[in-house]
Structures are given as structure tokens and as C-alpha cells.
Amino acid sequence: MNTNWHYAWTKPKLTGDLKATPQDFFVEEVLGFQPDGLGEFVFVFIEKVGVNTDFLAKRLASFADIDPNKVTYSGVKDRHACTRQWFCLHLLNRNVDFSELVHGFVKGEQVRILDVVRHSKKLKIGTHIANRFVIRIRSLEGDLIELENRLSLVKMAGVPNYYGAQRFGINGNNLENGMRWLEKGRVGRKRLSKTESFWLSAMRSWCFNQSLSFQVLQGDWNKVLVGDIAQEANSDTQFRVKNIKPGTLLRLMTMKIQPVLPLISNGWQDGTSSERAQWVLESLNGAESVVEGLLNLDLSRDSRTSRLSPNDMEWELINKNSESPELLMQFSLPKGAFATSVLRELVDVNDCSIEKHNASIDS
């Protein structure tokens, strides 16, 4: 299955090393609210390096002597990065000293407790509103002026909101397994296993990327048509575009609204204009069995913006005149967006951890 999707601003010629050390890729989860200090749930803010999110959740459950299903988190963070995220433990009328949790990890694994606070509500998947990144790319080779231009262009005009390669597994194994799973069809109505959910997510994401890539090639990924759905920036609020006025175009050009593409589900065509729906079908020509398999799952309607705009994006070129210049940059992305989708439009990176992991960086 194709995973070579089109670039909005042409493929970068400049190369560089990503994640030469885990600290070169820093991610901090932004909840968007302050825990209220009350209630039966304990929120633990943890900085981790070399530790898988799900593994740490199970370690927390064991440490607090509770069932693993009583430990939740909002998003998965990469094992081979320095990440900060919130975990939630259901501890009714109990207090736990987490200071000793940092012990017992193997070489290369580090855990640090940053905050512990109670809250009245459970932390659920997707609760956080954004992720903040600080990324260092080392050993740059190529035209640094072009890189500066690309950085300015991406800050101003955004990038295609592709799902990152992490979604599809090492060498696309989630896609291969997902194809076989869809061919067999869902057995019964029982809840999907975590593995089946990964496969489903990979197949649905692949369809979205195919559709988006098709529209990037056409030059329509960052436009809106009459009948399209648009989404307010930094919000989940969506609306139908009934006409194209100068005010609409201004809001589009200034990133105040973003175009939206539907994910494949029953009735997905109602989530876009008839013209764009036709483009989606064209982009999935030859993948009819995948579409049919997804439709047979009776999935709920969902969508995703086609354009991604990094917030608060800043950068600095370090050692510009040396043999090994570096790029240090920071930006924030809404939940569900991938930092790799930003980086791919800037530098052709060599991910130094690519052979070591299959964990999501920032989804």
C-alpha cells in the first residue's frame, strides 16, 4: 500500500538527524485545565525517557496496587523521546507516595515525578488540547537559506495534516494486518481489542492520507468550496460553507478556519461538498475493498482538518558556519496532530531511533 504522500512545498533536499538522543525530541502534554485538587482521581504528571506510555501505566497500577484498568492517560507518547504527560489513578480515599516510583527501571529508562494532584473527573483518551514540542535536528547538510525559507513558509501557510508514519507501524505492518483483518470482517459485535483498534485506525488513517495527498497534488488541500465543512482554529466547532465571501477567504488565509475532510464511515459523503467527495473516491480508486470493509464496520462519523498550522512556532539555527549546523525549533500542535507532518516539509530527516520503536510520537 502506498505511503509516499505528496509534499505541499516540494520534498526538502536538506538532510539532518532526528533523535540522535531522546532529549532532542521533547514533548509536553497540555491539558487545557487545572486539576481542581479534589475528588477520587489522582493525576500524576510524569517526565519519562525510554519508557512506553502503556508500560508506565501498568507500572503505576502495580505501584499503587490497583487494577490496570483504573489507570488512564490522555495520549500516547513516544518511548524514544523526552516526554511529559499526565496519568490518572482511581484512588478513592487513598493517598500514595509516588517518590519511589522512579526506582527499578533499567539502563536508558528514566522517570521523574513532576506533580501529583487530585481531580474530580477521570482523565480520558483525547482529553488534552495540545502538545508542545522542542525539537533539535543535528548534522544538517544542504542549503540553510532554503531551510529558513521553508520554516517561514510553514509558519505562515501550514502543512498537510497527514497522519504520521508511526500510525502505520514498522514497515507498514499495521496496514498489512489491517488489510487481512478487514477481509475477514468483524466477528460479532464484541468490543474491538487494542490490537484490532490499531489496525482499524491505521486503515482509516491511510484512506485519509490518500485523499489528502490527492488534493495536495491538485492544489486544493488548503482551500474551501461551497458545501465543504470548515473548522474554527483551536476549536472543535465546525460549520458548513454556504458561500465564499471575502471574509471567509480572509479567515482561511489567516488560519482562523481550516478545511475539513471526512474519515470513511457510513454517510461520509455528507461531511463534505459533492465535488470534494468525488475527489475522495478518485483518490481511493483501486482500494474499494478497503472502503467497503470500513463501511461494513458501521463506524461513527468523524473528520479531520486537511491543513495543520503550528502554533507559536520559533526556531534558531545553531553553529551555522560549522560543518555540523543544527536546527532548534519549538511549536505547539492540537491533539491528534503529528510533529513529523511538520518536519517532513522542512528537512529530509534520518530518524536515529527508527529501528528501535513502533510507538507513536505524538498522536
Protein backbone atom coordinates (compact mmCIF):
# COMPACT_ATOMS: atom_id res chain seq x y z
CA MET A 1 0.00 0.00 0.00
CA ASN A 2 1.24 3.45 -0.90
CA THR A 3 2.71 5.54 1.94
CA ASN A 4 4.62 8.07 -0.19
CA TRP A 5 2.31 11.04 0.04
CA HIS A 6 2.78 14.30 -1.83
CA TYR A 7 4.52 17.32 -0.34
CA ALA A 8 2.85 20.71 -0.25
CA TRP A 9 6.10 22.65 -0.64
CA THR A 10 8.15 20.04 -2.58
CA LYS A 11 10.34 17.42 -0.94
CA PRO A 12 13.23 19.01 1.02
CA LYS A 13 16.74 18.42 -0.28
CA LEU A 14 18.33 19.33 3.02
CA THR A 15 19.00 16.39 5.38
CA GLY A 16 19.55 16.04 9.12
CA ASP A 17 19.49 13.63 12.07
CA LEU A 18 16.39 13.42 14.28
CA LYS A 19 16.50 11.96 17.80
CA ALA A 20 20.24 11.41 17.98
CA THR A 21 19.40 11.44 21.69
CA PRO A 22 15.90 11.18 23.25
CA GLN A 23 16.27 14.72 24.60
CA ASP A 24 16.40 16.00 21.00
CA PHE A 25 12.65 15.35 20.81
CA PHE A 26 10.81 16.90 23.76
CA VAL A 27 7.00 16.68 24.03
CA GLU A 28 4.85 18.15 26.77
CA GLU A 29 1.14 17.46 27.05
CA VAL A 30 -1.12 20.48 27.55
CA LEU A 31 -4.31 19.57 29.41
CA GLY A 32 -6.05 22.90 28.93
CA PHE A 33 -7.37 22.96 32.50
CA GLN A 34 -6.06 22.83 36.05
CA PRO A 35 -6.98 19.79 38.19
CA ASP A 36 -9.28 21.02 40.96
CA GLY A 37 -7.42 19.38 43.84
CA LEU A 38 -10.48 17.39 44.94
CA GLY A 39 -12.12 14.07 44.18
CA GLU A 40 -11.34 10.38 43.88
CA PHE A 41 -8.88 10.59 40.97
CA VAL A 42 -5.16 11.31 41.36
CA PHE A 43 -3.42 13.00 38.41
CA VAL A 44 0.33 12.34 38.18
CA PHE A 45 2.44 14.46 35.82
CA ILE A 46 5.49 12.44 34.75
CA GLU A 47 8.57 13.10 32.65
CA LYS A 48 9.83 9.92 31.02
CA VAL A 49 12.66 8.84 28.73
CA GLY A 50 12.96 5.39 27.17
CA VAL A 51 9.63 4.22 28.66
CA ASN A 52 6.49 3.24 26.76
CA THR A 53 3.28 5.00 27.88
CA ASP A 54 1.25 1.82 28.32
CA PHE A 55 4.11 0.12 30.17
CA LEU A 56 4.35 3.05 32.59
CA ALA A 57 0.58 2.97 33.16
CA LYS A 58 0.84 -0.68 34.17
CA ARG A 59 3.83 0.10 36.41
CA LEU A 60 1.77 2.81 38.11
CA ALA A 61 -1.07 0.35 38.68
CA SER A 62 1.30 -2.17 40.23
CA PHE A 63 2.95 0.51 42.37
CA ALA A 64 -0.41 1.73 43.68
CA ASP A 65 -1.75 -1.84 44.00
CA ILE A 66 -4.82 -1.24 41.82
CA ASP A 67 -6.23 -2.89 38.71
CA PRO A 68 -4.55 -1.68 35.46
CA ASN A 69 -7.92 -0.53 34.10
CA LYS A 70 -8.02 2.04 36.90
CA VAL A 71 -5.04 3.87 35.36
CA THR A 72 -5.75 6.08 32.34
CA TYR A 73 -3.96 8.64 30.19
CA SER A 74 -4.99 11.12 27.52
CA GLY A 75 -2.47 10.35 24.77
CA VAL A 76 0.36 8.00 23.83
CA LYS A 77 3.86 9.45 23.84
CA ASP A 78 7.00 8.12 22.17
CA ARG A 79 9.32 5.84 24.08
CA HIS A 80 12.42 7.21 22.34
CA ALA A 81 11.88 10.85 23.31
CA CYS A 82 11.77 13.01 26.41
CA THR A 83 8.06 13.35 27.12
CA ARG A 84 5.85 14.84 29.81
CA GLN A 85 2.31 13.60 30.24
CA TRP A 86 -0.49 13.11 32.75
CA PHE A 87 -1.62 9.78 34.16
CA CYS A 88 -4.81 9.30 36.19
CA LEU A 89 -5.29 6.76 39.00
CA HIS A 90 -8.63 5.96 40.60
CA LEU A 91 -7.69 6.13 44.30
CA LEU A 92 -10.82 6.64 46.37
CA ASN A 93 -9.93 7.67 49.95
CA ARG A 94 -6.32 6.63 49.44
CA ASN A 95 -3.03 8.52 49.20
CA VAL A 96 0.09 7.09 47.56
CA ASP A 97 3.66 8.35 47.85
CA PHE A 98 4.99 8.19 44.29
CA SER A 99 8.55 9.26 45.15
CA GLU A 100 9.83 5.68 44.98
CA LEU A 101 8.33 5.05 41.54
CA VAL A 102 11.49 6.40 39.89
CA HIS A 103 13.50 3.35 41.03
CA GLY A 104 13.61 -0.06 39.38
CA PHE A 105 13.94 0.98 35.73
CA VAL A 106 16.68 -0.43 33.52
CA LYS A 107 19.55 1.49 31.91
CA GLY A 108 18.30 4.10 29.44
CA GLU A 109 14.93 4.41 31.17
CA GLN A 110 14.24 7.48 33.29
CA VAL A 111 11.12 8.59 35.13
CA ARG A 112 10.64 11.81 37.11
CA ILE A 113 7.52 12.83 39.06
CA LEU A 114 6.71 16.49 38.34
CA ASP A 115 3.33 16.91 40.04
CA VAL A 116 0.65 14.97 41.91
CA VAL A 117 -2.82 16.48 42.34
CA ARG A 118 -6.37 15.21 42.82
CA HIS A 119 -9.22 15.88 40.41
CA SER A 120 -12.95 15.22 40.44
CA LYS A 121 -13.12 13.72 36.94
CA LYS A 122 -11.39 10.81 35.24
CA LEU A 123 -8.75 11.50 32.60
CA LYS A 124 -9.96 10.04 29.30
CA ILE A 125 -8.32 9.48 25.93
CA GLY A 126 -8.12 12.73 24.00
CA THR A 127 -8.77 14.98 26.99
CA HIS A 128 -5.70 17.15 26.42
CA ILE A 129 -5.95 20.02 23.95
CA ALA A 130 -2.41 20.24 22.58
CA ASN A 131 1.20 19.06 22.68
CA ARG A 132 4.18 21.39 22.95
CA PHE A 133 7.37 20.36 21.13
CA VAL A 134 11.02 21.34 21.36
CA ILE A 135 12.99 19.57 18.63
CA ARG A 136 16.68 19.57 17.71
CA ILE A 137 17.81 18.32 14.29
CA ARG A 138 21.54 17.70 14.10
CA SER A 139 24.14 17.35 11.32
CA LEU A 140 22.25 19.45 8.77
CA GLU A 141 23.50 19.13 5.21
CA GLY A 142 22.20 21.38 2.46
CA ASP A 143 21.12 24.93 1.72
CA LEU A 144 20.39 26.72 5.01
CA ILE A 145 18.79 29.65 3.19
CA GLU A 146 16.25 27.25 1.69
CA LEU A 147 15.64 25.89 5.19
CA GLU A 148 14.97 29.39 6.53
CA ASN A 149 12.52 29.97 3.68
CA ARG A 150 10.77 26.68 4.37
CA LEU A 151 10.48 27.48 8.07
CA SER A 152 8.88 30.84 7.29
CA LEU A 153 6.56 29.26 4.72
CA VAL A 154 5.37 26.53 7.08
CA LYS A 155 4.81 29.05 9.88
CA MET A 156 2.73 31.21 7.55
CA ALA A 157 0.89 28.64 5.41
CA GLY A 158 0.89 25.38 7.37
CA VAL A 159 1.34 21.80 6.13
CA PRO A 160 -0.93 18.93 5.06
CA ASN A 161 -2.34 17.32 8.20
CA TYR A 162 -1.17 13.80 7.38
CA TYR A 163 -1.26 11.01 9.91
CA GLY A 164 2.37 10.22 10.75
CA ALA A 165 4.20 7.08 9.68
CA GLN A 166 4.06 5.86 13.29
CA ARG A 167 0.33 5.22 12.81
CA PHE A 168 1.10 2.54 10.21
CA GLY A 169 3.68 0.54 12.17
CA ILE A 170 7.20 -0.63 11.34
CA ASN A 171 7.42 -1.22 7.58
CA GLY A 172 3.66 -0.68 7.40
CA ASN A 173 2.82 -3.84 9.35
CA ASN A 174 -0.35 -2.28 10.78
CA LEU A 175 -1.58 -1.82 7.21
CA GLU A 176 -0.80 -5.39 6.23
CA ASN A 177 -2.52 -6.78 9.30
CA GLY A 178 -5.37 -4.34 8.88
CA MET A 179 -5.97 -5.45 5.30
CA ARG A 180 -6.21 -9.11 6.34
CA TRP A 181 -8.49 -8.19 9.26
CA LEU A 182 -10.85 -6.17 7.04
CA GLU A 183 -11.01 -9.03 4.50
CA LYS A 184 -12.20 -11.42 7.20
CA GLY A 185 -14.67 -8.88 8.55
CA ARG A 186 -15.62 -8.18 12.13
CA VAL A 187 -16.78 -11.23 14.08
CA GLY A 188 -19.84 -10.45 16.20
CA ARG A 189 -20.39 -7.12 17.94
CA LYS A 190 -17.95 -7.54 20.78
CA ARG A 191 -15.67 -4.65 21.64
CA LEU A 192 -12.53 -4.45 19.50
CA SER A 193 -9.27 -5.48 21.10
CA LYS A 194 -6.50 -2.90 21.42
CA THR A 195 -4.66 -4.57 18.51
CA GLU A 196 -7.76 -4.54 16.30
CA SER A 197 -8.27 -0.87 17.15
CA PHE A 198 -4.71 -0.16 15.99
CA TRP A 199 -5.43 -1.91 12.69
CA LEU A 200 -8.72 -0.10 12.21
CA SER A 201 -7.11 3.25 12.96
CA ALA A 202 -4.29 2.53 10.52
CA MET A 203 -6.66 1.66 7.65
CA ARG A 204 -8.90 4.65 8.23
CA SER A 205 -5.87 6.94 8.50
CA TRP A 206 -4.43 5.52 5.29
CA CYS A 207 -7.63 6.39 3.42
CA PHE A 208 -7.48 9.92 4.80
CA ASN A 209 -3.84 10.35 3.78
CA GLN A 210 -4.57 9.03 0.30
CA SER A 211 -7.39 11.54 -0.12
CA LEU A 212 -5.33 14.40 1.27
CA SER A 213 -2.33 13.55 -0.91
CA PHE A 214 -4.57 13.55 -3.99
CA GLN A 215 -5.80 17.03 -3.10
CA VAL A 216 -2.26 18.25 -2.31
CA LEU A 217 -1.28 17.23 -5.84
CA GLN A 218 -4.29 19.15 -7.19
CA GLY A 219 -3.52 22.19 -5.04
CA ASP A 220 -6.89 22.06 -3.25
CA TRP A 221 -5.85 20.82 0.22
CA ASN A 222 -5.82 24.32 1.74
CA LYS A 223 -8.98 25.68 0.06
CA VAL A 224 -12.70 25.57 0.82
CA LEU A 225 -15.54 25.01 -1.63
CA VAL A 226 -19.22 25.73 -1.28
CA GLY A 227 -20.67 22.74 0.57
CA ASP A 228 -17.41 21.92 2.38
CA ILE A 229 -17.09 21.68 6.14
CA ALA A 230 -14.67 24.09 7.84
CA GLN A 231 -13.42 24.11 11.42
CA GLU A 232 -12.61 27.02 13.70
CA ALA A 233 -8.92 27.22 14.64
CA ASN A 234 -8.06 25.84 18.10
CA SER A 235 -11.61 24.54 18.47
CA ASP A 236 -13.77 21.56 17.56
CA THR A 237 -16.52 23.85 16.21
CA GLN A 238 -17.39 23.10 12.58
CA PHE A 239 -19.75 24.68 10.08
CA ARG A 240 -20.95 24.19 6.51
CA VAL A 241 -19.56 26.68 3.97
CA LYS A 242 -22.67 28.05 2.27
CA ASN A 243 -20.94 30.70 0.20
CA ILE A 244 -17.47 32.06 -0.44
CA LYS A 245 -17.18 35.65 0.73
CA PRO A 246 -14.05 37.80 1.16
CA GLY A 247 -14.42 37.38 4.92
CA THR A 248 -14.37 33.60 4.54
CA LEU A 249 -11.25 33.75 2.39
CA LEU A 250 -9.56 36.12 4.83
CA ARG A 251 -10.23 33.78 7.73
CA LEU A 252 -8.92 30.88 5.65
CA MET A 253 -5.73 32.72 4.66
CA THR A 254 -5.05 33.86 8.22
CA MET A 255 -5.52 30.34 9.66
CA LYS A 256 -8.67 31.32 11.57
CA ILE A 257 -10.51 28.40 9.93
CA GLN A 258 -9.26 25.12 8.47
CA PRO A 259 -10.70 22.92 5.69
CA VAL A 260 -12.07 19.55 6.83
CA LEU A 261 -12.02 16.12 5.20
CA PRO A 262 -14.31 13.26 6.34
CA LEU A 263 -13.00 9.91 7.52
CA ILE A 264 -14.52 6.86 5.86
CA SER A 265 -17.75 5.78 7.55
CA ASN A 266 -21.39 5.33 6.57
CA GLY A 267 -22.64 8.63 5.18
CA TRP A 268 -19.17 10.17 4.96
CA GLN A 269 -20.18 12.00 1.74
CA ASP A 270 -22.49 14.23 3.81
CA GLY A 271 -19.41 15.58 5.59
CA THR A 272 -18.06 17.45 2.58
CA SER A 273 -19.04 19.01 -0.74
CA SER A 274 -20.12 16.81 -3.64
CA GLU A 275 -17.04 17.89 -5.59
CA ARG A 276 -14.64 17.00 -2.81
CA ALA A 277 -16.45 13.71 -2.19
CA GLN A 278 -15.75 12.83 -5.80
CA TRP A 279 -12.06 13.58 -5.27
CA VAL A 280 -12.01 11.27 -2.26
CA LEU A 281 -13.47 8.47 -4.37
CA GLU A 282 -10.93 9.10 -7.13
CA SER A 283 -8.07 9.03 -4.63
CA LEU A 284 -9.22 5.62 -3.37
CA ASN A 285 -9.61 4.10 -6.81
CA GLY A 286 -8.24 0.56 -6.54
CA ALA A 287 -8.85 0.41 -2.79
CA GLU A 288 -12.60 -0.29 -2.98
CA SER A 289 -12.23 -3.39 -0.79
CA VAL A 290 -10.70 -1.27 1.97
CA VAL A 291 -13.53 1.26 1.78
CA GLU A 292 -16.15 -1.49 1.75
CA GLY A 293 -14.52 -3.19 4.74
CA LEU A 294 -14.57 0.06 6.72
CA LEU A 295 -18.20 0.76 5.79
CA ASN A 296 -19.19 -2.71 6.99
CA LEU A 297 -17.89 -1.84 10.48
CA ASP A 298 -20.66 0.73 10.97
CA LEU A 299 -18.20 3.37 12.23
CA SER A 300 -19.32 6.64 13.74
CA ARG A 301 -18.93 9.77 11.62
CA ASP A 302 -15.64 11.59 12.11
CA SER A 303 -13.42 14.08 10.31
CA ARG A 304 -10.03 15.76 10.40
CA THR A 305 -8.72 19.10 9.20
CA SER A 306 -6.75 18.89 5.97
CA ARG A 307 -4.36 21.67 6.99
CA LEU A 308 -2.15 21.82 10.07
CA SER A 309 -0.86 25.13 11.40
CA PRO A 310 1.92 25.03 14.04
CA ASN A 311 1.22 27.47 16.86
CA ASP A 312 3.90 29.66 18.49
CA MET A 313 6.50 28.38 16.05
CA GLU A 314 10.02 29.68 16.65
CA TRP A 315 13.46 28.44 15.58
CA GLU A 316 17.17 29.05 15.72
CA LEU A 317 19.98 27.79 13.51
CA ILE A 318 22.93 26.82 15.69
CA ASN A 319 26.56 26.65 14.51
CA LYS A 320 25.50 27.91 11.09
CA ASN A 321 29.08 28.32 9.89
CA SER A 322 30.35 24.98 11.18
CA GLU A 323 30.49 21.60 9.48
CA SER A 324 27.52 20.36 11.54
CA PRO A 325 24.87 23.07 11.86
CA GLU A 326 21.75 22.29 13.89
CA LEU A 327 18.13 23.40 13.89
CA LEU A 328 16.46 24.04 17.24
CA MET A 329 12.73 24.70 16.98
CA GLN A 330 9.60 24.80 19.09
CA PHE A 331 5.87 24.80 18.31
CA SER A 332 2.54 23.52 19.59
CA LEU A 333 0.07 21.28 17.79
CA PRO A 334 -3.53 20.34 18.58
CA LYS A 335 -4.14 16.83 19.89
CA GLY A 336 -4.13 14.17 17.20
CA ALA A 337 -1.64 16.06 15.02
CA PHE A 338 1.82 14.72 14.22
CA ALA A 339 5.03 16.70 14.56
CA THR A 340 6.51 14.52 11.83
CA SER A 341 4.00 16.02 9.39
CA VAL A 342 5.57 19.41 10.09
CA LEU A 343 9.16 18.15 9.95
CA ARG A 344 8.72 16.33 6.61
CA GLU A 345 8.11 19.66 4.85
CA LEU A 346 11.30 21.15 6.36
CA VAL A 347 14.06 18.53 6.39
CA ASP A 348 14.53 15.05 4.98
CA VAL A 349 15.28 13.60 8.40
CA ASN A 350 17.14 10.47 9.38
CA ASP A 351 15.27 9.18 12.44
CA CYS A 352 18.08 7.69 14.52
CA SER A 353 15.58 5.65 16.58
CA ILE A 354 13.57 4.28 13.66
CA GLU A 355 14.83 0.71 14.08
CA LYS A 356 14.15 0.69 17.81
CA HIS A 357 10.49 1.51 18.15
CA ASN A 358 6.97 1.35 16.95
CA ALA A 359 5.47 3.80 19.45
CA SER A 360 3.57 6.89 18.43
CA ILE A 361 5.49 10.13 18.75
CA ASP A 362 2.60 12.50 19.31
CA SER A 363 -0.73 11.07 18.48
